[in-house]
Amino acid sequence: MNGSVLSDEAVPSTDGARPLLRFEWVPARPPEAVWRSITDREELKAWFSVRGRG
């Protein structure tokens, strides 16, 4: 995963009546770089290369 860390343990909890499992992911890049990669159109092109119609 390119230096990223995914916890191997799920943390169980509940949200009201719904059970939840939480996994923690620690990216290898700083938060600013991660945020930019999901909010910048040019960065997104590297992740989602499929084009929609219209």
PDB file of N, CA and C in Angstrom:
ATOM      1  N   MET A   1       0.818  -1.211   0.000  1.00  0.00           N
ATOM      2  CA  MET A   1       0.000   0.000   0.000  1.00  0.00           C
ATOM      3  C   MET A   1       0.849   1.258   0.000  1.00  0.00           C
ATOM      4  N   ASN A   2       1.994   1.242  -0.576  1.00  0.00           N
ATOM      5  CA  ASN A   2       2.822   2.421  -0.727  1.00  0.00           C
ATOM      6  C   ASN A   2       3.133   3.137   0.574  1.00  0.00           C
ATOM      7  N   GLY A   3       3.412   2.411   1.633  1.00  0.00           N
ATOM      8  CA  GLY A   3       3.763   3.026   2.892  1.00  0.00           C
ATOM      9  C   GLY A   3       2.589   3.382   3.774  1.00  0.00           C
ATOM     10  N   SER A   4       1.367   3.259   3.276  1.00  0.00           N
ATOM     11  CA  SER A   4       0.192   3.524   4.091  1.00  0.00           C
ATOM     12  C   SER A   4       0.003   2.379   5.077  1.00  0.00           C
ATOM     13  N   VAL A   5      -0.663   2.684   6.173  1.00  0.00           N
ATOM     14  CA  VAL A   5      -0.887   1.667   7.194  1.00  0.00           C
ATOM     15  C   VAL A   5      -2.380   1.504   7.418  1.00  0.00           C
ATOM     16  N   LEU A   6      -2.855   0.265   7.322  1.00  0.00           N
ATOM     17  CA  LEU A   6      -4.241  -0.054   7.615  1.00  0.00           C
ATOM     18  C   LEU A   6      -4.245  -0.954   8.833  1.00  0.00           C
ATOM     19  N   SER A   7      -4.946  -0.525   9.856  1.00  0.00           N
ATOM     20  CA  SER A   7      -5.030  -1.314  11.078  1.00  0.00           C
ATOM     21  C   SER A   7      -5.558  -2.698  10.777  1.00  0.00           C
ATOM     22  N   ASP A   8      -4.979  -3.709  11.430  1.00  0.00           N
ATOM     23  CA  ASP A   8      -5.462  -5.071  11.213  1.00  0.00           C
ATOM     24  C   ASP A   8      -6.543  -5.456  12.214  1.00  0.00           C
ATOM     25  N   GLU A   9      -6.961  -4.514  13.032  1.00  0.00           N
ATOM     26  CA  GLU A   9      -8.020  -4.773  13.996  1.00  0.00           C
ATOM     27  C   GLU A   9      -9.173  -3.799  13.785  1.00  0.00           C
ATOM     28  N   ALA A  10     -10.371  -4.338  13.757  1.00  0.00           N
ATOM     29  CA  ALA A  10     -11.570  -3.505  13.672  1.00  0.00           C
ATOM     30  C   ALA A  10     -11.961  -3.077  15.075  1.00  0.00           C
ATOM     31  N   VAL A  11     -12.438  -1.849  15.194  1.00  0.00           N
ATOM     32  CA  VAL A  11     -12.913  -1.343  16.481  1.00  0.00           C
ATOM     33  C   VAL A  11     -14.433  -1.358  16.442  1.00  0.00           C
ATOM     34  N   PRO A  12     -15.068  -2.289  17.169  1.00  0.00           N
ATOM     35  CA  PRO A  12     -16.533  -2.347  17.154  1.00  0.00           C
ATOM     36  C   PRO A  12     -17.146  -1.244  18.010  1.00  0.00           C
ATOM     37  N   SER A  13     -18.251  -0.702  17.552  1.00  0.00           N
ATOM     38  CA  SER A  13     -19.003   0.289  18.315  1.00  0.00           C
ATOM     39  C   SER A  13     -20.429   0.292  17.794  1.00  0.00           C
ATOM     40  N   THR A  14     -21.258   1.162  18.346  1.00  0.00           N
ATOM     41  CA  THR A  14     -22.629   1.267  17.859  1.00  0.00           C
ATOM     42  C   THR A  14     -22.968   2.727  17.606  1.00  0.00           C
ATOM     43  N   ASP A  15     -23.822   2.936  16.640  1.00  0.00           N
ATOM     44  CA  ASP A  15     -24.354   4.259  16.321  1.00  0.00           C
ATOM     45  C   ASP A  15     -25.860   4.140  16.533  1.00  0.00           C
ATOM     46  N   GLY A  16     -26.292   4.368  17.768  1.00  0.00           N
ATOM     47  CA  GLY A  16     -27.687   4.109  18.082  1.00  0.00           C
ATOM     48  C   GLY A  16     -27.906   2.608  18.113  1.00  0.00           C
ATOM     49  N   ALA A  17     -28.784   2.121  17.258  1.00  0.00           N
ATOM     50  CA  ALA A  17     -29.083   0.694  17.217  1.00  0.00           C
ATOM     51  C   ALA A  17     -28.247  -0.043  16.170  1.00  0.00           C
ATOM     52  N   ARG A  18     -27.462   0.694  15.384  1.00  0.00           N
ATOM     53  CA  ARG A  18     -26.696   0.073  14.296  1.00  0.00           C
ATOM     54  C   ARG A  18     -25.282  -0.263  14.740  1.00  0.00           C
ATOM     55  N   PRO A  19     -24.857  -1.510  14.570  1.00  0.00           N
ATOM     56  CA  PRO A  19     -23.471  -1.857  14.894  1.00  0.00           C
ATOM     57  C   PRO A  19     -22.527  -1.323  13.819  1.00  0.00           C
ATOM     58  N   LEU A  20     -21.341  -0.909  14.233  1.00  0.00           N
ATOM     59  CA  LEU A  20     -20.342  -0.369  13.313  1.00  0.00           C
ATOM     60  C   LEU A  20     -19.007  -1.047  13.544  1.00  0.00           C
ATOM     61  N   LEU A  21     -18.206  -1.142  12.494  1.00  0.00           N
ATOM     62  CA  LEU A  21     -16.810  -1.535  12.605  1.00  0.00           C
ATOM     63  C   LEU A  21     -15.977  -0.397  12.050  1.00  0.00           C
ATOM     64  N   ARG A  22     -15.027   0.059  12.814  1.00  0.00           N
ATOM     65  CA  ARG A  22     -14.175   1.161  12.370  1.00  0.00           C
ATOM     66  C   ARG A  22     -12.770   0.632  12.118  1.00  0.00           C
ATOM     67  N   PHE A  23     -12.230   0.949  10.935  1.00  0.00           N
ATOM     68  CA  PHE A  23     -10.858   0.621  10.590  1.00  0.00           C
ATOM     69  C   PHE A  23     -10.100   1.930  10.481  1.00  0.00           C
ATOM     70  N   GLU A  24      -8.904   1.971  10.984  1.00  0.00           N
ATOM     71  CA  GLU A  24      -8.099   3.191  10.912  1.00  0.00           C
ATOM     72  C   GLU A  24      -7.069   3.039   9.803  1.00  0.00           C
ATOM     73  N   TRP A  25      -6.984   4.058   8.970  1.00  0.00           N
ATOM     74  CA  TRP A  25      -6.023   4.096   7.874  1.00  0.00           C
ATOM     75  C   TRP A  25      -5.134   5.306   8.060  1.00  0.00           C
ATOM     76  N   VAL A  26      -3.829   5.101   8.081  1.00  0.00           N
ATOM     77  CA  VAL A  26      -2.869   6.188   8.219  1.00  0.00           C
ATOM     78  C   VAL A  26      -2.128   6.301   6.892  1.00  0.00           C
ATOM     79  N   PRO A  27      -2.428   7.356   6.105  1.00  0.00           N
ATOM     80  CA  PRO A  27      -1.788   7.492   4.797  1.00  0.00           C
ATOM     81  C   PRO A  27      -0.302   7.811   4.927  1.00  0.00           C
ATOM     82  N   ALA A  28       0.457   7.433   3.920  1.00  0.00           N
ATOM     83  CA  ALA A  28       1.890   7.686   3.912  1.00  0.00           C
ATOM     84  C   ALA A  28       2.214   9.150   3.612  1.00  0.00           C
ATOM     85  N   ARG A  29       1.264   9.870   3.019  1.00  0.00           N
ATOM     86  CA  ARG A  29       1.491  11.275   2.665  1.00  0.00           C
ATOM     87  C   ARG A  29       0.853  12.187   3.710  1.00  0.00           C
ATOM     88  N   PRO A  30       1.299  13.447   3.809  1.00  0.00           N
ATOM     89  CA  PRO A  30       0.711  14.385   4.773  1.00  0.00           C
ATOM     90  C   PRO A  30      -0.756  14.685   4.447  1.00  0.00           C
ATOM     91  N   PRO A  31      -1.552  15.059   5.455  1.00  0.00           N
ATOM     92  CA  PRO A  31      -2.984  15.327   5.236  1.00  0.00           C
ATOM     93  C   PRO A  31      -3.259  16.314   4.110  1.00  0.00           C
ATOM     94  N   GLU A  32      -2.420  17.332   3.964  1.00  0.00           N
ATOM     95  CA  GLU A  32      -2.637  18.330   2.912  1.00  0.00           C
ATOM     96  C   GLU A  32      -2.554  17.697   1.522  1.00  0.00           C
ATOM     97  N   ALA A  33      -1.609  16.789   1.350  1.00  0.00           N
ATOM     98  CA  ALA A  33      -1.447  16.122   0.053  1.00  0.00           C
ATOM     99  C   ALA A  33      -2.625  15.189  -0.223  1.00  0.00           C
ATOM    100  N   VAL A  34      -3.089  14.488   0.803  1.00  0.00           N
ATOM    101  CA  VAL A  34      -4.245  13.607   0.636  1.00  0.00           C
ATOM    102  C   VAL A  34      -5.478  14.429   0.275  1.00  0.00           C
ATOM    103  N   TRP A  35      -5.706  15.528   0.979  1.00  0.00           N
ATOM    104  CA  TRP A  35      -6.862  16.384   0.707  1.00  0.00           C
ATOM    105  C   TRP A  35      -6.805  16.933  -0.721  1.00  0.00           C
ATOM    106  N   ARG A  36      -5.634  17.377  -1.126  1.00  0.00           N
ATOM    107  CA  ARG A  36      -5.473  17.912  -2.480  1.00  0.00           C
ATOM    108  C   ARG A  36      -5.771  16.829  -3.516  1.00  0.00           C
ATOM    109  N   SER A  37      -5.364  15.597  -3.241  1.00  0.00           N
ATOM    110  CA  SER A  37      -5.576  14.529  -4.219  1.00  0.00           C
ATOM    111  C   SER A  37      -7.046  14.162  -4.388  1.00  0.00           C
ATOM    112  N   ILE A  38      -7.892  14.477  -3.408  1.00  0.00           N
ATOM    113  CA  ILE A  38      -9.321  14.171  -3.551  1.00  0.00           C
ATOM    114  C   ILE A  38     -10.172  15.398  -3.864  1.00  0.00           C
ATOM    115  N   THR A  39      -9.579  16.584  -3.856  1.00  0.00           N
ATOM    116  CA  THR A  39     -10.365  17.790  -4.143  1.00  0.00           C
ATOM    117  C   THR A  39      -9.917  18.528  -5.402  1.00  0.00           C
ATOM    118  N   ASP A  40      -8.753  18.242  -5.913  1.00  0.00           N
ATOM    119  CA  ASP A  40      -8.231  18.927  -7.097  1.00  0.00           C
ATOM    120  C   ASP A  40      -8.569  18.111  -8.345  1.00  0.00           C
ATOM    121  N   ARG A  41      -9.213  18.742  -9.324  1.00  0.00           N
ATOM    122  CA  ARG A  41      -9.624  18.029 -10.546  1.00  0.00           C
ATOM    123  C   ARG A  41      -8.462  17.352 -11.250  1.00  0.00           C
ATOM    124  N   GLU A  42      -7.341  18.031 -11.339  1.00  0.00           N
ATOM    125  CA  GLU A  42      -6.182  17.453 -12.024  1.00  0.00           C
ATOM    126  C   GLU A  42      -5.650  16.238 -11.274  1.00  0.00           C
ATOM    127  N   GLU A  43      -5.643  16.307  -9.964  1.00  0.00           N
ATOM    128  CA  GLU A  43      -5.199  15.164  -9.156  1.00  0.00           C
ATOM    129  C   GLU A  43      -6.170  13.994  -9.300  1.00  0.00           C
ATOM    130  N   LEU A  44      -7.475  14.297  -9.329  1.00  0.00           N
ATOM    131  CA  LEU A  44      -8.488  13.246  -9.448  1.00  0.00           C
ATOM    132  C   LEU A  44      -8.369  12.479 -10.759  1.00  0.00           C
ATOM    133  N   LYS A  45      -7.914  13.151 -11.803  1.00  0.00           N
ATOM    134  CA  LYS A  45      -7.767  12.484 -13.100  1.00  0.00           C
ATOM    135  C   LYS A  45      -6.826  11.289 -13.004  1.00  0.00           C
ATOM    136  N   ALA A  46      -5.856  11.373 -12.117  1.00  0.00           N
ATOM    137  CA  ALA A  46      -4.916  10.262 -11.945  1.00  0.00           C
ATOM    138  C   ALA A  46      -5.605   9.053 -11.304  1.00  0.00           C
ATOM    139  N   TRP A  47      -6.645   9.297 -10.501  1.00  0.00           N
ATOM    140  CA  TRP A  47      -7.339   8.224  -9.811  1.00  0.00           C
ATOM    141  C   TRP A  47      -8.537   7.713 -10.612  1.00  0.00           C
ATOM    142  N   PHE A  48      -9.286   8.616 -11.226  1.00  0.00           N
ATOM    143  CA  PHE A  48     -10.505   8.262 -11.941  1.00  0.00           C
ATOM    144  C   PHE A  48     -10.368   8.676 -13.397  1.00  0.00           C
ATOM    145  N   SER A  49      -9.877   7.756 -14.195  1.00  0.00           N
ATOM    146  CA  SER A  49      -9.617   8.105 -15.595  1.00  0.00           C
ATOM    147  C   SER A  49     -10.828   7.868 -16.496  1.00  0.00           C
ATOM    148  N   VAL A  50     -11.907   7.327 -15.973  1.00  0.00           N
ATOM    149  CA  VAL A  50     -13.099   7.070 -16.771  1.00  0.00           C
ATOM    150  C   VAL A  50     -13.879   8.374 -16.935  1.00  0.00           C
ATOM    151  N   ARG A  51     -14.235   8.698 -18.144  1.00  0.00           N
ATOM    152  CA  ARG A  51     -14.995   9.921 -18.406  1.00  0.00           C
ATOM    153  C   ARG A  51     -16.467   9.605 -18.567  1.00  0.00           C
ATOM    154  N   GLY A  52     -17.298  10.457 -18.029  1.00  0.00           N
ATOM    155  CA  GLY A  52     -18.755  10.296 -18.179  1.00  0.00           C
ATOM    156  C   GLY A  52     -19.239  10.953 -19.461  1.00  0.00           C
ATOM    157  N   ARG A  53     -20.502  10.731 -19.764  1.00  0.00           N
ATOM    158  CA  ARG A  53     -21.088  11.365 -20.944  1.00  0.00           C
ATOM    159  C   ARG A  53     -21.492  12.789 -20.624  1.00  0.00           C
ATOM    160  N   GLY A  54     -21.466  13.634 -21.654  1.00  0.00           N
ATOM    161  CA  GLY A  54     -22.011  14.984 -21.529  1.00  0.00           C
ATOM    162  C   GLY A  54     -21.042  15.958 -21.153  1.00  0.00           C
TER     163      GLY A  54
END
